[in-house]
Protein backbone atom coordinates (compact mmCIF):
# COMPACT_ATOMS: atom_id res chain seq x y z
CA MET A 1 -24.93 -75.36 15.42
CA LYS A 2 -21.50 -77.04 15.37
CA LEU A 3 -20.02 -74.06 13.57
CA PHE A 4 -21.45 -71.73 16.26
CA ILE A 5 -19.80 -73.85 18.98
CA ILE A 6 -16.48 -73.82 17.13
CA ALA A 7 -16.79 -70.06 16.60
CA PHE A 8 -17.42 -69.55 20.31
CA LYS A 9 -14.40 -71.64 21.24
CA ASN A 10 -12.26 -69.66 18.79
CA LEU A 11 -13.24 -66.42 20.52
CA LYS A 12 -12.27 -67.91 23.89
CA ARG A 13 -8.73 -68.45 22.67
CA LYS A 14 -8.02 -64.72 22.91
CA LYS A 15 -10.28 -63.79 25.81
CA THR A 16 -8.86 -60.32 26.49
CA ARG A 17 -9.06 -59.24 22.86
CA SER A 18 -12.57 -60.64 22.48
CA VAL A 19 -13.79 -58.98 25.69
CA LEU A 20 -12.39 -55.60 24.65
CA THR A 21 -14.02 -55.85 21.24
CA ILE A 22 -17.34 -56.87 22.77
CA GLY A 23 -16.95 -53.93 25.17
CA GLY A 24 -16.48 -51.50 22.27
CA VAL A 25 -19.67 -52.73 20.63
CA ALA A 26 -21.49 -52.64 23.98
CA ILE A 27 -20.56 -48.99 24.57
CA ALA A 28 -21.77 -47.99 21.10
CA VAL A 29 -25.06 -49.84 21.60
CA ALA A 30 -25.51 -48.42 25.13
CA VAL A 31 -25.05 -44.87 23.84
CA LEU A 32 -27.59 -45.37 21.07
CA VAL A 33 -30.15 -47.06 23.33
CA SER A 34 -29.78 -44.35 25.97
CA LEU A 35 -30.09 -41.62 23.35
CA LEU A 36 -33.21 -43.10 21.76
CA GLY A 37 -34.65 -43.87 25.19
CA PHE A 38 -34.01 -40.28 26.30
CA ASN A 39 -35.67 -38.91 23.17
CA ALA A 40 -38.81 -40.99 23.80
CA GLY A 41 -38.80 -40.39 27.55
CA TYR A 42 -38.34 -36.63 27.26
CA GLN A 43 -41.28 -36.35 24.86
CA ILE A 44 -43.52 -38.43 27.14
CA ALA A 45 -42.47 -36.43 30.23
CA LEU A 46 -42.93 -33.10 28.47
CA ASN A 47 -46.36 -34.10 27.15
CA ASN A 48 -47.32 -35.24 30.63
CA ASP A 49 -46.15 -31.96 32.20
CA VAL A 50 -48.00 -29.83 29.66
CA ASP A 51 -51.18 -31.93 29.91
CA LYS A 52 -51.15 -31.76 33.70
CA MET A 53 -51.04 -27.98 33.61
CA GLY A 54 -54.74 -28.28 32.81
CA TYR A 55 -54.82 -25.43 30.34
CA GLN A 56 -53.88 -25.00 26.69
CA VAL A 57 -53.27 -21.26 26.61
CA LEU A 58 -51.19 -19.08 28.91
CA VAL A 59 -51.54 -15.30 29.10
CA THR A 60 -48.53 -13.52 30.64
CA ALA A 61 -47.03 -10.04 30.74
CA LYS A 62 -44.88 -8.99 27.78
CA GLY A 63 -41.46 -10.59 27.71
CA CYS A 64 -39.84 -13.76 26.41
CA PRO A 65 -42.76 -16.15 25.84
CA TYR A 66 -40.72 -19.31 26.19
CA GLU A 67 -39.04 -18.18 29.39
CA ALA A 68 -42.43 -17.26 30.82
CA ALA A 69 -43.98 -20.59 29.79
CA THR A 70 -41.06 -22.58 31.15
CA LEU A 71 -41.14 -20.81 34.51
CA MET A 72 -44.89 -21.32 34.74
CA LEU A 73 -44.46 -24.95 33.69
CA LYS A 74 -41.64 -25.76 36.09
CA GLY A 75 -42.05 -23.05 38.67
CA GLY A 76 -39.74 -20.16 39.31
CA GLY A 77 -39.41 -16.48 39.97
CA GLY A 78 -38.46 -13.51 37.86
CA LEU A 79 -41.79 -13.35 36.02
CA ARG A 80 -43.22 -10.00 34.97
CA PHE A 81 -46.48 -8.81 36.46
CA MET A 82 -49.66 -7.69 34.75
CA GLU A 83 -52.72 -5.92 36.06
CA GLU A 84 -55.62 -7.95 37.39
CA GLU A 85 -58.01 -5.93 35.22
CA VAL A 86 -56.66 -7.90 32.23
CA PHE A 87 -58.21 -11.01 33.74
CA ASP A 88 -61.50 -9.17 34.33
CA ARG A 89 -61.68 -8.36 30.62
CA ILE A 90 -60.58 -11.76 29.30
CA VAL A 91 -62.93 -13.76 31.52
CA GLN A 92 -65.92 -12.31 29.62
CA ASP A 93 -64.92 -14.07 26.39
CA GLU A 94 -67.52 -16.74 25.52
CA ARG A 95 -64.91 -18.92 23.77
CA ILE A 96 -63.32 -19.72 27.12
CA ASP A 97 -64.25 -23.01 28.77
CA LYS A 98 -62.19 -22.63 31.97
CA ILE A 99 -59.89 -19.90 33.25
CA THR A 100 -57.81 -19.25 36.37
CA PRO A 101 -55.55 -16.38 37.51
CA GLN A 102 -52.19 -16.99 39.20
CA LEU A 103 -49.61 -14.98 41.10
CA ILE A 104 -46.18 -16.54 41.57
CA ASN A 105 -43.54 -15.15 43.91
CA THR A 106 -40.35 -16.60 45.38
CA VAL A 107 -38.81 -15.98 48.77
CA PHE A 108 -35.21 -16.67 49.72
CA ASP A 109 -34.83 -18.93 52.77
CA ALA A 110 -31.33 -18.86 54.26
CA ASP A 111 -31.98 -22.11 56.17
CA LYS A 112 -33.26 -24.13 53.20
CA ASP A 113 -31.12 -27.11 52.08
CA GLY A 114 -28.40 -26.12 54.51
CA GLY A 115 -27.02 -23.34 52.31
CA GLY A 116 -30.09 -21.33 51.43
CA GLY A 117 -32.57 -21.58 48.58
CA PHE A 118 -35.76 -20.18 47.11
CA THR A 119 -39.27 -21.30 48.05
CA MET A 120 -42.04 -20.71 45.54
CA PHE A 121 -45.42 -19.41 46.62
CA MET A 122 -48.42 -19.33 44.30
CA GLY A 123 -51.61 -17.36 44.78
CA ILE A 124 -54.59 -19.25 43.33
CA GLU A 125 -58.37 -19.32 43.29
CA LYS A 126 -60.76 -22.29 43.47
CA SER A 127 -60.91 -22.23 39.65
CA TYR A 128 -57.33 -23.60 39.72
CA LEU A 129 -58.73 -26.99 40.72
CA THR A 130 -61.40 -26.99 38.00
CA LEU A 131 -58.56 -27.06 35.47
CA LYS A 132 -56.89 -29.90 37.41
CA PRO A 133 -59.73 -32.24 38.46
CA TRP A 134 -57.25 -35.03 39.24
CA THR A 135 -55.81 -33.07 42.18
CA GLU A 136 -56.73 -34.64 45.52
CA PHE A 137 -56.04 -33.80 49.15
CA LYS A 138 -53.76 -36.07 51.13
CA GLU A 139 -55.07 -34.36 54.25
CA GLY A 140 -56.92 -31.18 55.19
CA GLU A 141 -59.12 -29.12 52.89
CA TRP A 142 -59.44 -25.95 50.79
CA PHE A 143 -58.90 -22.49 52.26
CA SER A 144 -61.56 -21.36 54.71
CA ASP A 145 -61.77 -17.94 53.06
CA GLU A 146 -60.40 -16.12 49.99
CA ASN A 147 -58.51 -13.76 52.33
CA ALA A 148 -57.44 -16.39 54.87
CA ASP A 149 -53.87 -16.50 56.14
CA GLU A 150 -53.61 -20.14 55.12
CA VAL A 151 -51.60 -22.28 52.73
CA ILE A 152 -52.00 -25.57 50.89
CA ILE A 153 -48.70 -27.36 50.44
CA GLY A 154 -47.66 -29.62 47.58
CA TYR A 155 -46.66 -33.20 48.46
CA GLU A 156 -42.88 -32.75 48.14
CA ALA A 157 -42.87 -29.32 49.78
CA ALA A 158 -44.78 -30.78 52.74
CA GLU A 159 -42.19 -33.56 53.11
CA LEU A 160 -39.33 -31.06 52.86
CA GLU A 161 -40.89 -28.66 55.37
CA GLN A 162 -42.10 -31.52 57.59
CA ARG A 163 -45.57 -29.99 57.83
CA ARG A 164 -49.05 -31.44 58.28
CA ALA A 165 -52.53 -29.91 58.16
CA GLY A 166 -52.98 -27.55 61.09
CA ASP A 167 -49.28 -26.73 61.44
CA LYS A 168 -47.84 -23.24 61.09
CA ILE A 169 -45.47 -22.11 58.36
CA PHE A 170 -43.24 -19.03 58.44
CA ILE A 171 -42.43 -16.90 55.38
CA PRO A 172 -38.81 -15.70 55.74
CA GLY A 173 -38.16 -11.99 55.33
CA ILE A 174 -41.82 -11.08 55.51
CA ASP A 175 -42.43 -11.86 59.16
CA LYS A 176 -45.66 -13.70 58.42
CA VAL A 177 -46.95 -16.98 59.91
CA LEU A 178 -49.61 -18.93 58.01
CA THR A 179 -51.66 -22.00 58.88
CA VAL A 180 -51.51 -25.16 56.75
CA SER A 181 -55.10 -25.87 55.73
CA GLY A 182 -54.27 -28.88 53.55
CA ILE A 183 -51.67 -30.97 51.71
CA PHE A 184 -52.10 -32.22 48.15
CA GLU A 185 -51.42 -35.77 47.03
CA ARG A 186 -48.43 -36.25 44.73
CA THR A 187 -49.22 -35.13 41.18
CA GLY A 188 -45.85 -35.50 39.46
CA THR A 189 -45.95 -31.83 38.41
CA GLN A 190 -44.49 -28.54 39.63
CA ASP A 191 -47.39 -28.34 42.09
CA ASP A 192 -45.65 -30.90 44.31
CA GLY A 193 -43.00 -28.37 45.31
CA VAL A 194 -45.21 -25.28 45.60
CA ILE A 195 -46.79 -23.60 48.61
CA MET A 196 -50.18 -22.20 47.58
CA LEU A 197 -52.13 -19.32 49.12
CA PRO A 198 -55.46 -17.68 48.33
CA LEU A 199 -54.80 -15.22 45.51
CA LYS A 200 -55.91 -12.18 47.52
CA THR A 201 -53.75 -13.27 50.46
CA ALA A 202 -50.71 -13.60 48.21
CA GLN A 203 -51.32 -10.16 46.72
CA ARG A 204 -51.57 -8.65 50.20
CA ILE A 205 -48.61 -10.46 51.79
CA PHE A 206 -46.20 -9.85 48.91
CA ASP A 207 -47.42 -6.27 48.39
CA LEU A 208 -48.60 -7.03 44.86
CA GLU A 209 -52.15 -5.73 45.00
CA LYS A 210 -54.11 -6.25 41.79
CA LYS A 211 -51.11 -8.03 40.18
CA LEU A 212 -50.94 -11.38 38.36
CA THR A 213 -48.14 -13.37 36.72
CA GLY A 214 -50.29 -15.58 34.52
CA ILE A 215 -53.76 -16.57 33.40
CA GLY A 216 -54.37 -20.22 32.48
CA ILE A 217 -57.08 -20.74 29.88
CA LYS A 218 -58.79 -23.74 28.36
CA LEU A 219 -60.81 -22.93 25.25
CA LYS A 220 -64.00 -24.69 24.26
CA ASP A 221 -62.55 -25.20 20.78
CA MET A 222 -58.77 -25.05 20.15
CA THR A 223 -59.42 -24.11 16.51
CA GLU A 224 -60.48 -20.73 17.90
CA LEU A 225 -56.97 -20.07 19.22
CA PRO A 226 -55.72 -17.93 16.27
CA ALA A 227 -58.79 -15.70 16.47
CA PHE A 228 -58.50 -15.60 20.27
CA GLU A 229 -54.88 -14.45 20.04
CA GLU A 230 -55.74 -11.87 17.40
CA ASP A 231 -58.47 -10.36 19.59
CA LEU A 232 -55.97 -9.93 22.44
CA TYR A 233 -53.26 -8.51 20.19
CA ASP A 234 -54.24 -4.92 21.01
CA GLU A 235 -53.54 -5.56 24.71
CA ALA A 236 -50.09 -3.95 24.78
CA SER A 237 -49.07 -5.33 28.17
CA ILE A 238 -49.73 -9.06 27.57
CA GLN A 239 -48.90 -11.95 25.29
CA VAL A 240 -50.78 -15.15 24.51
CA ILE A 241 -48.80 -18.41 24.49
CA SER A 242 -50.06 -21.71 23.13
CA MET A 243 -48.63 -24.54 25.22
CA ALA A 244 -48.65 -26.76 22.13
CA GLN A 245 -46.34 -24.26 20.41
CA VAL A 246 -44.08 -24.12 23.46
CA LYS A 247 -43.92 -27.90 23.54
CA GLY A 248 -43.02 -28.03 19.86
CA THR A 249 -40.33 -25.38 20.25
CA ILE A 250 -38.75 -27.17 23.22
CA MET A 251 -38.69 -30.45 21.30
CA ASN A 252 -37.12 -28.71 18.28
CA LEU A 253 -34.36 -27.35 20.51
CA ILE A 254 -33.81 -30.78 22.07
CA SER A 255 -33.77 -32.41 18.62
CA THR A 256 -31.10 -29.97 17.44
CA ALA A 257 -28.88 -30.96 20.36
CA GLN A 258 -29.62 -34.62 19.74
CA ILE A 259 -28.30 -34.38 16.18
CA LEU A 260 -24.85 -33.63 17.59
CA VAL A 261 -25.10 -36.42 20.16
CA THR A 262 -26.38 -38.84 17.50
CA SER A 263 -23.39 -37.98 15.33
CA VAL A 264 -21.09 -38.90 18.20
CA ALA A 265 -23.02 -42.16 18.65
CA PHE A 266 -22.61 -43.06 14.99
CA ILE A 267 -18.89 -42.31 15.21
CA ALA A 268 -18.77 -44.76 18.12
CA ILE A 269 -20.52 -47.35 15.95
CA ILE A 270 -18.04 -46.83 13.09
CA VAL A 271 -15.16 -47.21 15.54
CA ALA A 272 -16.81 -50.39 16.84
CA ILE A 273 -17.10 -51.76 13.30
CA PHE A 274 -13.39 -51.20 12.65
CA GLY A 275 -12.60 -52.80 16.01
CA VAL A 276 -14.61 -55.90 15.12
CA VAL A 277 -13.07 -56.15 11.65
CA ASN A 278 -9.57 -55.76 13.12
CA THR A 279 -10.19 -58.43 15.77
CA ILE A 280 -11.55 -60.97 13.32
CA LEU A 281 -8.84 -60.28 10.73
CA MET A 282 -6.15 -60.79 13.36
CA SER A 283 -7.86 -64.03 14.32
CA VAL A 284 -7.91 -65.14 10.68
CA PHE A 285 -4.23 -64.33 10.13
CA GLU A 286 -3.25 -66.15 13.34
CA ARG A 287 -5.16 -69.23 12.18
CA THR A 288 -3.99 -69.27 8.55
CA GLN A 289 -2.48 -72.75 8.83
CA GLU A 290 -5.53 -74.04 10.71
CA ILE A 291 -7.85 -72.71 8.01
CA GLY A 292 -5.63 -74.31 5.35
CA VAL A 293 -5.87 -77.70 7.10
CA MET A 294 -9.67 -77.36 7.37
CA LYS A 295 -9.96 -76.76 3.63
CA ALA A 296 -7.49 -79.56 2.87
CA ILE A 297 -9.62 -82.13 4.73
CA GLY A 298 -12.81 -81.10 2.97
CA ALA A 299 -14.16 -77.85 4.43
CA SER A 300 -15.82 -75.81 1.71
CA LYS A 301 -15.48 -72.07 1.14
CA LEU A 302 -18.97 -71.66 2.55
CA ASP A 303 -18.01 -73.56 5.72
CA VAL A 304 -15.00 -71.31 6.34
CA PHE A 305 -16.95 -68.17 5.41
CA SER A 306 -19.79 -69.15 7.77
CA LEU A 307 -17.39 -69.95 10.64
CA ILE A 308 -15.72 -66.51 10.51
CA TRP A 309 -19.07 -64.79 9.98
CA TYR A 310 -20.48 -66.53 13.04
CA GLU A 311 -17.59 -65.20 15.11
CA THR A 312 -18.39 -61.61 14.17
CA ILE A 313 -22.10 -62.19 14.80
CA LEU A 314 -21.31 -63.62 18.25
CA ILE A 315 -19.12 -60.65 19.14
CA CYS A 316 -21.68 -58.09 18.01
CA GLY A 317 -24.63 -60.04 19.44
CA LEU A 318 -22.97 -60.29 22.86
CA GLY A 319 -22.00 -56.61 22.58
CA GLY A 320 -25.64 -55.75 21.85
CA ILE A 321 -26.86 -57.69 24.88
CA VAL A 322 -24.24 -56.19 27.20
CA GLY A 323 -24.87 -52.70 25.80
CA SER A 324 -28.62 -53.00 26.39
CA ILE A 325 -28.00 -54.11 29.98
CA ILE A 326 -25.64 -51.16 30.52
CA ALA A 327 -28.27 -48.76 29.12
CA ILE A 328 -30.94 -50.16 31.46
CA LEU A 329 -28.70 -50.06 34.54
CA ALA A 330 -27.35 -46.60 33.72
CA GLY A 331 -30.79 -45.15 32.97
CA ASN A 332 -31.21 -43.63 36.43
CA SER A 333 -27.72 -42.13 36.34
CA VAL A 334 -28.34 -40.58 32.92
CA GLU A 335 -31.63 -39.18 34.20
CA PHE A 336 -29.94 -37.76 37.29
CA PHE A 337 -27.27 -35.92 35.29
CA VAL A 338 -29.79 -34.63 32.72
CA LYS A 339 -31.92 -33.12 35.48
CA LYS A 340 -28.82 -31.56 37.03
CA LEU A 341 -27.76 -30.05 33.70
CA LEU A 342 -31.30 -29.04 32.68
CA PRO A 343 -32.95 -27.38 35.69
CA TYR A 344 -36.23 -27.03 33.81
CA ALA A 345 -36.37 -30.63 32.60
CA PRO A 346 -39.82 -32.28 32.81
CA GLU A 347 -40.81 -34.36 35.80
CA GLY A 348 -41.01 -38.15 35.61
CA ASN A 349 -38.74 -40.63 33.85
CA LEU A 350 -36.64 -38.96 31.15
CA VAL A 351 -35.18 -42.22 29.81
CA HIS A 352 -37.88 -44.52 28.46
CA ILE A 353 -36.37 -47.83 27.31
CA THR A 354 -38.95 -50.25 25.91
CA SER A 355 -38.68 -53.91 24.97
CA GLY A 356 -39.11 -52.86 21.34
CA LEU A 357 -36.11 -50.54 21.59
CA LEU A 358 -34.01 -53.30 23.17
CA LEU A 359 -35.02 -55.74 20.44
CA LEU A 360 -34.18 -53.14 17.80
CA SER A 361 -30.75 -52.58 19.35
CA LEU A 362 -30.03 -56.33 19.40
CA VAL A 363 -31.08 -56.70 15.77
CA GLY A 364 -28.94 -53.68 14.89
CA ALA A 365 -25.94 -55.23 16.64
CA ILE A 366 -26.40 -58.49 14.73
CA VAL A 367 -26.65 -56.56 11.45
CA LEU A 368 -23.45 -54.79 12.49
CA GLY A 369 -21.86 -58.22 12.88
CA LEU A 370 -23.08 -59.34 9.47
CA VAL A 371 -21.60 -56.26 7.80
CA SER A 372 -18.35 -56.32 9.77
CA GLY A 373 -17.74 -60.01 9.09
CA ILE A 374 -18.05 -59.94 5.31
CA TYR A 375 -14.45 -58.96 4.52
CA PRO A 376 -12.68 -61.15 7.11
CA ALA A 377 -14.87 -64.12 6.15
CA TYR A 378 -14.15 -63.55 2.47
CA ARG A 379 -10.40 -63.39 3.12
CA ALA A 380 -10.51 -66.64 5.08
CA SER A 381 -12.67 -68.51 2.59
CA SER A 382 -10.48 -67.37 -0.34
CA MET A 383 -7.30 -68.94 1.06
CA ARG A 384 -5.80 -71.76 -0.92
CA PRO A 385 -5.13 -74.81 1.29
CA ILE A 386 -1.49 -75.42 0.30
CA GLU A 387 -0.49 -71.75 0.46
CA ALA A 388 -2.28 -71.33 3.78
CA ILE A 389 -0.53 -74.34 5.34
CA ARG A 390 2.89 -73.21 4.07
CA SER A 391 2.44 -69.60 5.21
CA GLY A 392 1.52 -70.81 8.67
CA GLU A 393 4.73 -72.82 9.06
């Protein structure tokens, strides 16, 4: 304990240099913690988004399967349309547990967000809720009729539009006014920002009679998926997408990008190691005479080695603590920029920093100190007392 106190006092002698070195370690640790936290958080958020879709299989018109799945997952326009008769044929399959048709369309609103923006409308049937049994109404109720000129608004869309059940809502460019029949509770999915209509109403209003953009399917047994896909292979106008495959592909793409970022993080760690070694070596050289006196009055090699080693451990340990705090405080900022850069990022927290991750980072920082301190501690402990005292004069 006395050696730790002495080591701490030694670091205080050169406060600026010690603070800068601790800062270098802290930045390296913060980058690693944020990266690992983002990796875990993104997987959790993506799993949550996919699970809350309610279905395991998505049938869309021919095109890029991953673009189609992402737009259906996060909401968006530009999807291809398929004929409603495809749904009429697929719904007869006995392997299907639950199924629902969807029609997505976007409308440009010049007054939205002050500079204009797109509002997404989704035509659905009552079967949409059977795939999402957790969905509840904040107020109002389901459509009065499958052809009703009514809408159900997602929680965030209702707040943005400042609408309540019974209010009217205008569709720009189409000259159509609809009545709000209900508002959903927050779900944490793309549904929160969507305005939903009865499927037949959406087809009529947007002049897309007998058209669909997607069919969500939940099979009774997921092991039947390969055979299910094979049976639909002859349908030239459609493609079958497994959401599990989409999820895996997205994570593979993210992992590829993370390899580059991880490389940068490890470079930061290497730079931090050299910074620590340089700081401690400079401290040793500045205290050559002092170390010589310590050995002359009875300090052993182990005592000197331990003292210098403790200094590196203190620097790296403090850097680990500060870096963890920075990662926690900067988590929201990292999340904000990620969502700005990745418009189709999952909902929810994208940076998931756990106590286990923080403990791991602290242990890693201490190990960094142990490794970095070996050479400076060896140099100090190897000094001969007389030579050290003379060289310091």
